[in-house]
Amino acid sequence: MKFPIARDSWPYLLGLAVLSVILYLIWPWIALIPAILFLFILYFFRNPERTIPGDETMLVSPADGVVMDIERVFEDRFLNGESIRIRIFLSLFNVHMNRVPMSGTVVYRDYRPGQMLPAFKSHASEVNEKNFVGIENQNLRILVTQVTGFVARRIVCWVKTGDQVVRGERFGLIKFGSCTELFVPPYVEVAVKPGEKVVGGVTVMGLVKVNERTGA
């Protein structure tokens, strides 16, 4: 997971490299097309290291991108109650590695097949292909979802139920444009606003001020 270029890109890069060489031997100018695609794949699947904030009360962003909206919703899969949903849109030019917002245990995983509407559409979350990751620790339960978009064709998730995860570590990616959602309980103090650019593992999305179980 710490390679500078995500492993999931390697088959694309190998195929484009071979195609570029073959076309160069036959039609040198045509070889520019796979060569340019090779460079784009390198850029798209970049996997930079990040400095994670040290305060454990901070929830960090699960993705790079722009906050589309922040809404009160009823989350009925994992939190089972009123929640705050923060939606992040990832363009083709963002880093597409997803990161864990808080340390804890993965206690919920689910996958839902679906459509491929543009990720910025308001109803895309309800109908598009989607992956759910629920994380719990002694203070909090949160849900992160990976949502495909019009160009995205595959969700990659490396964690499974029972895994211990550390805040800021990589847990998956979505190929070629997408949306990532963070669901938190209503008492979490949201630290971002719509339209704000966020950086996965770095930007503080919210502050935990209340213990979920004790209410203290």
N, C-alpha and C. Protein backbone atom coordinates (compact mmCIF):
# COMPACT_ATOMS: atom_id res chain seq x y z
N MET A 1 0.81 -1.21 0.00
CA MET A 1 0.00 0.00 0.00
C MET A 1 0.85 1.27 0.00
N LYS A 2 2.15 1.14 0.26
CA LYS A 2 2.99 2.32 0.38
C LYS A 2 3.85 2.56 -0.85
N PHE A 3 3.62 1.81 -1.92
CA PHE A 3 4.32 2.11 -3.16
C PHE A 3 3.91 3.50 -3.65
N PRO A 4 4.83 4.25 -4.25
CA PRO A 4 4.48 5.60 -4.73
C PRO A 4 3.42 5.60 -5.82
N ILE A 5 3.29 4.47 -6.52
CA ILE A 5 2.22 4.28 -7.50
C ILE A 5 1.42 3.06 -7.06
N ALA A 6 0.11 3.20 -6.89
CA ALA A 6 -0.72 2.12 -6.36
C ALA A 6 -0.57 0.84 -7.19
N ARG A 7 -0.52 -0.30 -6.52
CA ARG A 7 -0.34 -1.58 -7.19
C ARG A 7 -1.42 -1.86 -8.23
N ASP A 8 -2.62 -1.35 -7.98
CA ASP A 8 -3.74 -1.63 -8.90
C ASP A 8 -3.51 -1.03 -10.28
N SER A 9 -2.54 -0.14 -10.41
CA SER A 9 -2.25 0.46 -11.71
C SER A 9 -1.29 -0.37 -12.54
N TRP A 10 -0.58 -1.29 -11.92
CA TRP A 10 0.51 -1.99 -12.61
C TRP A 10 0.05 -2.74 -13.87
N PRO A 11 -1.09 -3.46 -13.86
CA PRO A 11 -1.52 -4.11 -15.11
C PRO A 11 -1.76 -3.12 -16.25
N TYR A 12 -2.37 -1.96 -15.93
CA TYR A 12 -2.59 -0.93 -16.95
C TYR A 12 -1.25 -0.43 -17.50
N LEU A 13 -0.30 -0.16 -16.58
CA LEU A 13 0.99 0.38 -17.00
C LEU A 13 1.76 -0.61 -17.86
N LEU A 14 1.73 -1.87 -17.47
CA LEU A 14 2.43 -2.89 -18.24
C LEU A 14 1.83 -3.01 -19.64
N GLY A 15 0.50 -3.07 -19.73
CA GLY A 15 -0.15 -3.19 -21.03
C GLY A 15 0.13 -2.00 -21.93
N LEU A 16 0.07 -0.79 -21.35
CA LEU A 16 0.33 0.41 -22.16
C LEU A 16 1.79 0.50 -22.59
N ALA A 17 2.69 0.06 -21.71
CA ALA A 17 4.11 0.09 -22.06
C ALA A 17 4.40 -0.85 -23.24
N VAL A 18 3.85 -2.05 -23.19
CA VAL A 18 4.04 -3.01 -24.28
C VAL A 18 3.43 -2.48 -25.57
N LEU A 19 2.22 -1.92 -25.47
CA LEU A 19 1.55 -1.38 -26.65
C LEU A 19 2.34 -0.22 -27.25
N SER A 20 2.90 0.62 -26.40
CA SER A 20 3.69 1.75 -26.89
C SER A 20 4.90 1.28 -27.68
N VAL A 21 5.58 0.25 -27.17
CA VAL A 21 6.76 -0.27 -27.86
C VAL A 21 6.38 -0.87 -29.21
N ILE A 22 5.31 -1.65 -29.23
CA ILE A 22 4.88 -2.29 -30.47
C ILE A 22 4.50 -1.24 -31.51
N LEU A 23 3.70 -0.26 -31.11
CA LEU A 23 3.27 0.77 -32.05
C LEU A 23 4.43 1.64 -32.52
N TYR A 24 5.40 1.86 -31.64
CA TYR A 24 6.56 2.67 -32.02
C TYR A 24 7.34 2.00 -33.15
N LEU A 25 7.38 0.67 -33.13
CA LEU A 25 8.10 -0.06 -34.17
C LEU A 25 7.34 -0.06 -35.49
N ILE A 26 6.03 0.19 -35.42
CA ILE A 26 5.21 0.15 -36.64
C ILE A 26 4.83 1.56 -37.09
N TRP A 27 4.16 2.32 -36.23
CA TRP A 27 3.74 3.71 -36.50
C TRP A 27 4.19 4.59 -35.34
N PRO A 28 5.38 5.15 -35.40
CA PRO A 28 5.94 5.91 -34.26
C PRO A 28 5.01 6.98 -33.71
N TRP A 29 4.30 7.72 -34.59
CA TRP A 29 3.44 8.79 -34.09
C TRP A 29 2.24 8.25 -33.32
N ILE A 30 1.71 7.14 -33.76
CA ILE A 30 0.56 6.53 -33.06
C ILE A 30 0.95 6.09 -31.66
N ALA A 31 2.22 5.76 -31.48
CA ALA A 31 2.69 5.31 -30.16
C ALA A 31 2.55 6.39 -29.09
N LEU A 32 2.36 7.65 -29.53
CA LEU A 32 2.17 8.73 -28.56
C LEU A 32 0.90 8.54 -27.73
N ILE A 33 -0.12 7.94 -28.34
CA ILE A 33 -1.40 7.78 -27.64
C ILE A 33 -1.25 6.90 -26.40
N PRO A 34 -0.77 5.65 -26.51
CA PRO A 34 -0.60 4.85 -25.29
C PRO A 34 0.45 5.43 -24.36
N ALA A 35 1.44 6.16 -24.92
CA ALA A 35 2.45 6.77 -24.06
C ALA A 35 1.84 7.85 -23.17
N ILE A 36 0.94 8.65 -23.75
CA ILE A 36 0.25 9.69 -22.96
C ILE A 36 -0.66 9.05 -21.91
N LEU A 37 -1.36 7.98 -22.30
CA LEU A 37 -2.21 7.26 -21.34
C LEU A 37 -1.37 6.66 -20.22
N PHE A 38 -0.18 6.19 -20.55
CA PHE A 38 0.74 5.65 -19.53
C PHE A 38 1.06 6.73 -18.50
N LEU A 39 1.37 7.93 -18.96
CA LEU A 39 1.68 9.02 -18.04
C LEU A 39 0.47 9.41 -17.20
N PHE A 40 -0.73 9.39 -17.82
CA PHE A 40 -1.93 9.72 -17.06
C PHE A 40 -2.19 8.69 -15.96
N ILE A 41 -1.99 7.40 -16.27
CA ILE A 41 -2.20 6.35 -15.26
C ILE A 41 -1.21 6.53 -14.11
N LEU A 42 0.04 6.87 -14.43
CA LEU A 42 1.03 7.15 -13.38
C LEU A 42 0.54 8.27 -12.47
N TYR A 43 0.00 9.32 -13.08
CA TYR A 43 -0.47 10.47 -12.32
C TYR A 43 -1.71 10.12 -11.50
N PHE A 44 -2.66 9.42 -12.12
CA PHE A 44 -3.91 9.13 -11.44
C PHE A 44 -3.71 8.22 -10.23
N PHE A 45 -2.84 7.24 -10.34
CA PHE A 45 -2.65 6.26 -9.28
C PHE A 45 -1.51 6.63 -8.33
N ARG A 46 -1.12 7.89 -8.31
CA ARG A 46 -0.07 8.31 -7.38
C ARG A 46 -0.52 8.08 -5.94
N ASN A 47 0.43 7.79 -5.10
CA ASN A 47 0.11 7.36 -3.73
C ASN A 47 1.05 8.06 -2.75
N PRO A 48 0.86 9.36 -2.52
CA PRO A 48 1.80 10.12 -1.69
C PRO A 48 1.69 9.77 -0.21
N GLU A 49 2.81 9.94 0.48
CA GLU A 49 2.81 9.82 1.93
C GLU A 49 2.17 11.07 2.54
N ARG A 50 1.55 10.92 3.68
CA ARG A 50 0.88 12.03 4.34
C ARG A 50 1.29 12.11 5.82
N THR A 51 1.33 13.32 6.36
CA THR A 51 1.56 13.52 7.79
C THR A 51 0.21 13.61 8.48
N ILE A 52 -0.10 12.62 9.32
CA ILE A 52 -1.42 12.52 9.95
C ILE A 52 -1.44 13.33 11.24
N PRO A 53 -2.47 14.16 11.48
CA PRO A 53 -2.57 14.90 12.75
C PRO A 53 -2.54 13.95 13.95
N GLY A 54 -1.90 14.39 15.03
CA GLY A 54 -1.67 13.50 16.16
C GLY A 54 -2.81 13.41 17.16
N ASP A 55 -3.76 14.34 17.14
CA ASP A 55 -4.83 14.37 18.13
C ASP A 55 -5.89 13.32 17.78
N GLU A 56 -6.08 12.34 18.66
CA GLU A 56 -7.02 11.25 18.40
C GLU A 56 -8.49 11.69 18.43
N THR A 57 -8.77 12.90 18.90
CA THR A 57 -10.15 13.39 18.89
C THR A 57 -10.53 13.93 17.51
N MET A 58 -9.58 13.99 16.61
CA MET A 58 -9.83 14.52 15.28
C MET A 58 -10.14 13.40 14.30
N LEU A 59 -11.19 13.58 13.51
CA LEU A 59 -11.49 12.67 12.41
C LEU A 59 -10.89 13.27 11.14
N VAL A 60 -10.07 12.50 10.43
CA VAL A 60 -9.43 13.03 9.24
C VAL A 60 -10.21 12.63 7.99
N SER A 61 -9.96 13.34 6.91
CA SER A 61 -10.70 13.10 5.68
C SER A 61 -10.39 11.72 5.10
N PRO A 62 -11.41 11.01 4.63
CA PRO A 62 -11.18 9.71 4.00
C PRO A 62 -10.73 9.83 2.55
N ALA A 63 -10.67 11.03 1.99
CA ALA A 63 -10.33 11.18 0.57
C ALA A 63 -9.88 12.60 0.26
N ASP A 64 -9.16 12.74 -0.86
CA ASP A 64 -8.88 14.04 -1.44
C ASP A 64 -10.08 14.46 -2.28
N GLY A 65 -10.34 15.76 -2.34
CA GLY A 65 -11.44 16.21 -3.18
C GLY A 65 -12.06 17.48 -2.66
N VAL A 66 -13.33 17.68 -3.01
CA VAL A 66 -14.09 18.86 -2.60
C VAL A 66 -15.35 18.42 -1.87
N VAL A 67 -15.65 19.05 -0.75
CA VAL A 67 -16.87 18.74 0.00
C VAL A 67 -18.06 19.22 -0.82
N MET A 68 -18.91 18.26 -1.25
CA MET A 68 -20.09 18.62 -2.03
C MET A 68 -21.19 19.16 -1.15
N ASP A 69 -21.49 18.47 -0.07
CA ASP A 69 -22.55 18.92 0.83
C ASP A 69 -22.39 18.25 2.19
N ILE A 70 -23.04 18.83 3.17
CA ILE A 70 -23.08 18.29 4.54
C ILE A 70 -24.54 18.29 4.95
N GLU A 71 -25.10 17.10 5.23
CA GLU A 71 -26.53 17.01 5.50
C GLU A 71 -26.81 16.11 6.69
N ARG A 72 -27.93 16.42 7.36
CA ARG A 72 -28.47 15.52 8.38
C ARG A 72 -29.30 14.44 7.67
N VAL A 73 -28.99 13.20 7.92
CA VAL A 73 -29.70 12.10 7.27
C VAL A 73 -29.96 11.01 8.30
N PHE A 74 -30.82 10.06 7.93
CA PHE A 74 -31.02 8.87 8.76
C PHE A 74 -30.21 7.74 8.13
N GLU A 75 -29.18 7.30 8.83
CA GLU A 75 -28.31 6.24 8.32
C GLU A 75 -28.79 4.92 8.91
N ASP A 76 -29.29 4.00 8.05
CA ASP A 76 -29.96 2.81 8.55
C ASP A 76 -29.17 1.52 8.36
N ARG A 77 -27.90 1.60 7.96
CA ARG A 77 -27.12 0.38 7.79
C ARG A 77 -26.22 0.08 8.99
N PHE A 78 -25.60 1.12 9.53
CA PHE A 78 -24.62 0.89 10.59
C PHE A 78 -24.85 1.77 11.82
N LEU A 79 -25.01 3.06 11.61
CA LEU A 79 -25.25 3.95 12.74
C LEU A 79 -26.68 3.84 13.25
N ASN A 80 -27.59 3.46 12.36
CA ASN A 80 -29.00 3.22 12.73
C ASN A 80 -29.62 4.40 13.47
N GLY A 81 -29.48 5.56 12.90
CA GLY A 81 -30.07 6.73 13.52
C GLY A 81 -29.70 8.00 12.78
N GLU A 82 -30.10 9.13 13.36
CA GLU A 82 -29.78 10.41 12.76
C GLU A 82 -28.27 10.58 12.70
N SER A 83 -27.77 11.03 11.56
CA SER A 83 -26.33 11.16 11.34
C SER A 83 -26.05 12.40 10.52
N ILE A 84 -24.78 12.77 10.49
CA ILE A 84 -24.31 13.83 9.59
C ILE A 84 -23.54 13.15 8.47
N ARG A 85 -23.94 13.45 7.24
CA ARG A 85 -23.25 12.89 6.07
C ARG A 85 -22.44 13.99 5.39
N ILE A 86 -21.14 13.72 5.22
CA ILE A 86 -20.25 14.63 4.51
C ILE A 86 -19.86 13.94 3.21
N ARG A 87 -20.22 14.53 2.07
CA ARG A 87 -19.91 13.93 0.77
C ARG A 87 -18.72 14.65 0.13
N ILE A 88 -17.77 13.87 -0.36
CA ILE A 88 -16.57 14.40 -0.99
C ILE A 88 -16.53 13.94 -2.44
N PHE A 89 -16.41 14.87 -3.36
CA PHE A 89 -16.30 14.53 -4.77
C PHE A 89 -14.83 14.48 -5.17
N LEU A 90 -14.43 13.38 -5.83
CA LEU A 90 -13.07 13.21 -6.31
C LEU A 90 -13.08 13.34 -7.83
N SER A 91 -12.36 14.31 -8.36
CA SER A 91 -12.25 14.45 -9.81
C SER A 91 -11.16 13.52 -10.32
N LEU A 92 -11.01 13.46 -11.63
CA LEU A 92 -9.96 12.63 -12.23
C LEU A 92 -8.57 13.08 -11.81
N PHE A 93 -8.45 14.31 -11.31
CA PHE A 93 -7.13 14.85 -11.00
C PHE A 93 -6.76 14.75 -9.52
N ASN A 94 -7.68 14.23 -8.71
CA ASN A 94 -7.38 14.04 -7.29
C ASN A 94 -6.66 12.72 -7.05
N VAL A 95 -5.91 12.64 -5.94
CA VAL A 95 -5.41 11.36 -5.46
C VAL A 95 -6.63 10.51 -5.09
N HIS A 96 -6.67 9.26 -5.53
CA HIS A 96 -7.86 8.44 -5.33
C HIS A 96 -7.70 7.38 -4.24
N MET A 97 -6.65 7.49 -3.45
CA MET A 97 -6.47 6.58 -2.33
C MET A 97 -7.41 6.99 -1.19
N ASN A 98 -8.15 6.02 -0.63
CA ASN A 98 -9.02 6.28 0.52
C ASN A 98 -8.30 5.97 1.82
N ARG A 99 -8.54 6.79 2.84
CA ARG A 99 -7.85 6.64 4.13
C ARG A 99 -8.84 6.53 5.28
N VAL A 100 -8.39 5.90 6.34
CA VAL A 100 -9.22 5.65 7.51
C VAL A 100 -9.37 6.93 8.33
N PRO A 101 -10.61 7.38 8.63
CA PRO A 101 -10.79 8.64 9.38
C PRO A 101 -10.40 8.55 10.85
N MET A 102 -10.52 7.36 11.46
CA MET A 102 -10.16 7.23 12.88
C MET A 102 -9.67 5.82 13.15
N SER A 103 -8.88 5.68 14.21
CA SER A 103 -8.39 4.35 14.61
C SER A 103 -9.52 3.56 15.23
N GLY A 104 -9.51 2.25 15.04
CA GLY A 104 -10.54 1.41 15.62
C GLY A 104 -10.56 0.04 14.96
N THR A 105 -11.71 -0.61 15.04
CA THR A 105 -11.91 -1.94 14.47
C THR A 105 -12.96 -1.88 13.38
N VAL A 106 -12.68 -2.53 12.27
CA VAL A 106 -13.69 -2.64 11.21
C VAL A 106 -14.72 -3.67 11.66
N VAL A 107 -15.93 -3.22 11.93
CA VAL A 107 -16.97 -4.12 12.43
C VAL A 107 -18.11 -4.31 11.44
N TYR A 108 -18.02 -3.62 10.30
CA TYR A 108 -19.08 -3.75 9.29
C TYR A 108 -18.48 -3.55 7.91
N ARG A 109 -18.80 -4.46 7.00
CA ARG A 109 -18.43 -4.35 5.58
C ARG A 109 -19.60 -4.83 4.75
N ASP A 110 -19.92 -4.08 3.71
CA ASP A 110 -20.98 -4.52 2.81
C ASP A 110 -20.71 -3.89 1.44
N TYR A 111 -21.24 -4.53 0.42
CA TYR A 111 -21.07 -4.05 -0.95
C TYR A 111 -22.42 -4.09 -1.65
N ARG A 112 -22.72 -3.02 -2.41
CA ARG A 112 -23.98 -2.96 -3.15
C ARG A 112 -23.69 -2.65 -4.61
N PRO A 113 -24.02 -3.57 -5.51
CA PRO A 113 -23.88 -3.25 -6.94
C PRO A 113 -24.86 -2.17 -7.33
N GLY A 114 -24.57 -1.47 -8.41
CA GLY A 114 -25.48 -0.39 -8.80
C GLY A 114 -25.12 0.23 -10.13
N GLN A 115 -25.63 1.43 -10.36
CA GLN A 115 -25.45 2.13 -11.62
C GLN A 115 -24.13 2.92 -11.62
N MET A 116 -23.93 3.68 -12.69
CA MET A 116 -22.70 4.46 -12.84
C MET A 116 -23.03 5.92 -13.19
N LEU A 117 -23.92 6.54 -12.43
CA LEU A 117 -24.25 7.94 -12.67
C LEU A 117 -23.06 8.81 -12.26
N PRO A 118 -22.94 10.03 -12.81
CA PRO A 118 -21.88 10.94 -12.37
C PRO A 118 -21.93 11.12 -10.85
N ALA A 119 -20.77 11.03 -10.19
CA ALA A 119 -20.71 11.04 -8.73
C ALA A 119 -21.21 12.32 -8.11
N PHE A 120 -21.20 13.43 -8.88
CA PHE A 120 -21.65 14.71 -8.31
C PHE A 120 -23.17 14.86 -8.31
N LYS A 121 -23.89 13.95 -8.95
CA LYS A 121 -25.35 14.00 -8.93
C LYS A 121 -25.86 13.73 -7.51
N SER A 122 -26.91 14.44 -7.12
CA SER A 122 -27.40 14.35 -5.75
C SER A 122 -27.92 12.96 -5.40
N HIS A 123 -28.46 12.22 -6.38
CA HIS A 123 -29.02 10.91 -6.10
C HIS A 123 -28.07 9.77 -6.46
N ALA A 124 -26.82 10.09 -6.85
CA ALA A 124 -25.87 9.04 -7.22
C ALA A 124 -25.60 8.10 -6.06
N SER A 125 -25.55 8.65 -4.85
CA SER A 125 -25.27 7.82 -3.68
C SER A 125 -26.33 6.74 -3.46
N GLU A 126 -27.55 7.02 -3.90
CA GLU A 126 -28.65 6.09 -3.65
C GLU A 126 -28.69 4.94 -4.66
N VAL A 127 -28.13 5.14 -5.85
CA VAL A 127 -28.29 4.14 -6.91
C VAL A 127 -26.99 3.59 -7.46
N ASN A 128 -25.86 4.25 -7.21
CA ASN A 128 -24.59 3.79 -7.78
C ASN A 128 -24.00 2.63 -7.00
N GLU A 129 -23.06 1.95 -7.64
CA GLU A 129 -22.27 0.92 -6.95
C GLU A 129 -21.62 1.54 -5.72
N LYS A 130 -21.62 0.77 -4.61
CA LYS A 130 -21.21 1.39 -3.35
C LYS A 130 -20.62 0.34 -2.40
N ASN A 131 -19.59 0.75 -1.67
CA ASN A 131 -18.98 -0.11 -0.66
C ASN A 131 -19.06 0.59 0.70
N PHE A 132 -19.38 -0.18 1.73
CA PHE A 132 -19.59 0.37 3.07
C PHE A 132 -18.54 -0.20 4.04
N VAL A 133 -17.93 0.69 4.83
CA VAL A 133 -16.96 0.28 5.85
C VAL A 133 -17.32 0.96 7.16
N GLY A 134 -17.74 0.17 8.16
CA GLY A 134 -18.08 0.70 9.47
C GLY A 134 -16.95 0.47 10.45
N ILE A 135 -16.54 1.53 11.15
CA ILE A 135 -15.42 1.46 12.09
C ILE A 135 -15.90 1.88 13.48
N GLU A 136 -15.39 1.18 14.48
CA GLU A 136 -15.80 1.45 15.85
C GLU A 136 -14.58 1.47 16.77
N ASN A 137 -14.58 2.40 17.75
CA ASN A 137 -13.63 2.35 18.84
C ASN A 137 -14.36 2.62 20.14
N GLN A 138 -13.63 2.87 21.23
CA GLN A 138 -14.28 2.99 22.53
C GLN A 138 -15.16 4.24 22.64
N ASN A 139 -15.00 5.18 21.72
CA ASN A 139 -15.75 6.43 21.81
C ASN A 139 -16.77 6.65 20.71
N LEU A 140 -16.63 5.97 19.58
CA LEU A 140 -17.36 6.42 18.41
C LEU A 140 -17.57 5.29 17.40
N ARG A 141 -18.64 5.43 16.61
CA ARG A 141 -18.89 4.59 15.45
C ARG A 141 -19.07 5.50 14.25
N ILE A 142 -18.37 5.20 13.16
CA ILE A 142 -18.51 5.98 11.94
C ILE A 142 -18.66 5.04 10.75
N LEU A 143 -19.18 5.58 9.65
CA LEU A 143 -19.33 4.80 8.43
C LEU A 143 -18.69 5.57 7.28
N VAL A 144 -17.87 4.89 6.51
CA VAL A 144 -17.28 5.46 5.30
C VAL A 144 -17.80 4.68 4.11
N THR A 145 -18.22 5.38 3.05
CA THR A 145 -18.68 4.69 1.85
C THR A 145 -17.86 5.13 0.65
N GLN A 146 -17.61 4.19 -0.23
CA GLN A 146 -16.96 4.45 -1.51
C GLN A 146 -18.02 4.32 -2.59
N VAL A 147 -18.21 5.36 -3.38
CA VAL A 147 -19.28 5.39 -4.38
C VAL A 147 -18.65 5.58 -5.76
N THR A 148 -18.99 4.72 -6.71
CA THR A 148 -18.45 4.89 -8.05
C THR A 148 -19.13 6.05 -8.76
N GLY A 149 -18.49 6.53 -9.84
CA GLY A 149 -19.05 7.59 -10.64
C GLY A 149 -19.25 7.15 -12.08
N PHE A 150 -19.39 8.13 -12.97
CA PHE A 150 -19.66 7.85 -14.38
C PHE A 150 -18.47 7.15 -15.04
N VAL A 151 -17.26 7.58 -14.68
CA VAL A 151 -16.06 6.99 -15.27
C VAL A 151 -15.56 5.82 -14.44
N ALA A 152 -15.73 5.90 -13.13
CA ALA A 152 -15.23 4.84 -12.24
C ALA A 152 -15.90 3.51 -12.56
N ARG A 153 -15.11 2.45 -12.51
CA ARG A 153 -15.65 1.15 -12.85
C ARG A 153 -15.31 0.07 -11.82
N ARG A 154 -14.57 0.41 -10.79
CA ARG A 154 -14.25 -0.60 -9.81
C ARG A 154 -13.87 0.02 -8.48
N ILE A 155 -14.47 -0.51 -7.42
CA ILE A 155 -14.12 -0.12 -6.06
C ILE A 155 -13.11 -1.13 -5.53
N VAL A 156 -12.05 -0.63 -4.91
CA VAL A 156 -11.04 -1.49 -4.30
C VAL A 156 -11.05 -1.24 -2.80
N CYS A 157 -11.18 -2.28 -2.00
CA CYS A 157 -11.16 -2.15 -0.54
C CYS A 157 -10.34 -3.29 0.03
N TRP A 158 -9.32 -2.94 0.84
CA TRP A 158 -8.40 -3.94 1.35
C TRP A 158 -8.73 -4.42 2.76
N VAL A 159 -9.63 -3.74 3.47
CA VAL A 159 -9.91 -4.14 4.85
C VAL A 159 -11.11 -5.08 4.89
N LYS A 160 -11.19 -5.84 5.97
CA LYS A 160 -12.30 -6.76 6.18
C LYS A 160 -12.74 -6.69 7.63
N THR A 161 -13.90 -7.25 7.92
CA THR A 161 -14.43 -7.23 9.27
C THR A 161 -13.44 -7.87 10.24
N GLY A 162 -13.21 -7.19 11.36
CA GLY A 162 -12.28 -7.67 12.37
C GLY A 162 -10.91 -7.04 12.30
N ASP A 163 -10.59 -6.36 11.21
CA ASP A 163 -9.29 -5.71 11.08
C ASP A 163 -9.17 -4.52 12.02
N GLN A 164 -7.99 -4.37 12.61
CA GLN A 164 -7.66 -3.17 13.37
C GLN A 164 -7.05 -2.15 12.41
N VAL A 165 -7.58 -0.94 12.41
CA VAL A 165 -7.09 0.08 11.49
C VAL A 165 -6.60 1.29 12.27
N VAL A 166 -5.69 2.03 11.66
CA VAL A 166 -5.08 3.20 12.28
C VAL A 166 -5.45 4.44 11.49
N ARG A 167 -5.79 5.49 12.19
CA ARG A 167 -6.22 6.73 11.56
C ARG A 167 -5.19 7.19 10.53
N GLY A 168 -5.70 7.47 9.32
CA GLY A 168 -4.85 7.95 8.24
C GLY A 168 -4.29 6.87 7.34
N GLU A 169 -4.39 5.60 7.73
CA GLU A 169 -3.83 4.56 6.87
C GLU A 169 -4.73 4.33 5.66
N ARG A 170 -4.16 3.82 4.60
CA ARG A 170 -4.90 3.56 3.36
C ARG A 170 -5.76 2.31 3.52
N PHE A 171 -7.00 2.38 3.04
CA PHE A 171 -7.85 1.19 3.11
C PHE A 171 -8.43 0.79 1.75
N GLY A 172 -8.25 1.62 0.73
CA GLY A 172 -8.78 1.27 -0.58
C GLY A 172 -8.67 2.43 -1.55
N LEU A 173 -9.27 2.25 -2.71
CA LEU A 173 -9.32 3.32 -3.70
C LEU A 173 -10.49 3.06 -4.65
N ILE A 174 -10.84 4.09 -5.40
CA ILE A 174 -11.88 3.98 -6.42
C ILE A 174 -11.25 4.43 -7.73
N LYS A 175 -11.38 3.62 -8.76
CA LYS A 175 -10.69 3.89 -10.01
C LYS A 175 -11.44 4.90 -10.88
N PHE A 176 -10.75 5.97 -11.24
CA PHE A 176 -11.18 6.90 -12.29
C PHE A 176 -12.41 7.74 -11.94
N GLY A 177 -12.36 8.49 -10.84
CA GLY A 177 -13.43 9.43 -10.53
C GLY A 177 -14.50 8.84 -9.64
N SER A 178 -14.92 9.55 -8.61
CA SER A 178 -15.79 8.91 -7.63
C SER A 178 -16.29 9.89 -6.58
N CYS A 179 -16.93 9.32 -5.57
CA CYS A 179 -17.40 10.07 -4.40
C CYS A 179 -17.12 9.22 -3.16
N THR A 180 -16.71 9.87 -2.09
CA THR A 180 -16.53 9.20 -0.81
C THR A 180 -17.38 9.92 0.22
N GLU A 181 -18.08 9.15 1.06
CA GLU A 181 -18.96 9.74 2.08
C GLU A 181 -18.48 9.35 3.48
N LEU A 182 -18.64 10.27 4.38
CA LEU A 182 -18.35 10.02 5.79
C LEU A 182 -19.61 10.29 6.59
N PHE A 183 -20.09 9.28 7.33
CA PHE A 183 -21.25 9.41 8.20
C PHE A 183 -20.78 9.40 9.65
N VAL A 184 -21.20 10.41 10.41
CA VAL A 184 -20.81 10.51 11.83
C VAL A 184 -22.05 10.81 12.66
N PRO A 185 -22.02 10.50 13.96
CA PRO A 185 -23.15 10.85 14.84
C PRO A 185 -23.34 12.36 14.91
N PRO A 186 -24.55 12.82 15.26
CA PRO A 186 -24.85 14.26 15.23
C PRO A 186 -24.09 15.08 16.25
N TYR A 187 -23.50 14.45 17.26
CA TYR A 187 -22.77 15.24 18.26
C TYR A 187 -21.32 15.53 17.84
N VAL A 188 -20.87 14.96 16.74
CA VAL A 188 -19.53 15.28 16.24
C VAL A 188 -19.54 16.71 15.69
N GLU A 189 -18.57 17.51 16.06
CA GLU A 189 -18.47 18.89 15.60
C GLU A 189 -17.78 18.91 14.23
N VAL A 190 -18.54 19.19 13.19
CA VAL A 190 -18.01 19.19 11.83
C VAL A 190 -17.08 20.39 11.64
N ALA A 191 -15.91 20.14 11.04
CA ALA A 191 -14.89 21.19 10.93
C ALA A 191 -14.66 21.65 9.49
N VAL A 192 -15.50 21.19 8.56
CA VAL A 192 -15.38 21.62 7.16
C VAL A 192 -16.70 22.19 6.69
N LYS A 193 -16.70 22.76 5.50
CA LYS A 193 -17.93 23.34 4.95
C LYS A 193 -18.02 23.00 3.46
N PRO A 194 -19.21 23.04 2.87
CA PRO A 194 -19.36 22.76 1.44
C PRO A 194 -18.47 23.65 0.58
N GLY A 195 -17.88 23.06 -0.45
CA GLY A 195 -16.99 23.79 -1.33
C GLY A 195 -15.54 23.77 -0.91
N GLU A 196 -15.26 23.28 0.28
CA GLU A 196 -13.89 23.26 0.79
C GLU A 196 -13.11 22.09 0.21
N LYS A 197 -11.86 22.34 -0.17
CA LYS A 197 -10.98 21.27 -0.62
C LYS A 197 -10.40 20.54 0.58
N VAL A 198 -10.39 19.21 0.52
CA VAL A 198 -9.88 18.41 1.62
C VAL A 198 -8.79 17.47 1.12
N VAL A 199 -7.92 17.06 2.03
CA VAL A 199 -6.80 16.18 1.71
C VAL A 199 -6.92 14.93 2.57
N GLY A 200 -6.93 13.77 1.94
CA GLY A 200 -7.10 12.52 2.67
C GLY A 200 -6.02 12.28 3.71
N GLY A 201 -6.45 11.97 4.93
CA GLY A 201 -5.52 11.70 6.02
C GLY A 201 -4.96 12.93 6.68
N VAL A 202 -5.25 14.12 6.15
CA VAL A 202 -4.66 15.36 6.66
C VAL A 202 -5.73 16.33 7.16
N THR A 203 -6.72 16.64 6.32
CA THR A 203 -7.75 17.61 6.69
C THR A 203 -8.61 17.07 7.82
N VAL A 204 -8.82 17.88 8.85
CA VAL A 204 -9.67 17.50 9.97
C VAL A 204 -11.13 17.72 9.57
N MET A 205 -11.89 16.63 9.57
CA MET A 205 -13.30 16.70 9.17
C MET A 205 -14.22 16.98 10.33
N GLY A 206 -13.83 16.55 11.53
CA GLY A 206 -14.69 16.74 12.69
C GLY A 206 -13.94 16.49 13.98
N LEU A 207 -14.52 16.96 15.07
CA LEU A 207 -13.95 16.79 16.40
C LEU A 207 -14.93 16.03 17.27
N VAL A 208 -14.43 15.04 17.99
CA VAL A 208 -15.27 14.23 18.87
C VAL A 208 -15.27 14.88 20.24
N LYS A 209 -16.44 15.39 20.66
CA LYS A 209 -16.52 16.11 21.94
C LYS A 209 -17.36 15.38 22.97
N VAL A 210 -18.05 14.31 22.53
CA VAL A 210 -18.93 13.58 23.43
C VAL A 210 -18.65 12.09 23.29
N ASN A 211 -18.61 11.37 24.42
CA ASN A 211 -18.45 9.93 24.36
C ASN A 211 -19.80 9.31 23.98
N GLU A 212 -19.80 8.53 22.91
CA GLU A 212 -21.07 8.01 22.36
C GLU A 212 -21.81 7.15 23.38
N ARG A 213 -21.08 6.38 24.15
CA ARG A 213 -21.76 5.41 25.03
C ARG A 213 -22.20 6.05 26.36
N THR A 214 -21.37 6.93 26.89
CA THR A 214 -21.69 7.48 28.21
C THR A 214 -22.43 8.81 28.13
N GLY A 215 -22.24 9.52 26.96
CA GLY A 215 -22.83 10.84 26.85
C GLY A 215 -22.10 11.88 27.67
N ALA A 216 -20.91 11.54 28.14
CA ALA A 216 -20.14 12.44 28.99
C ALA A 216 -19.43 13.49 28.16
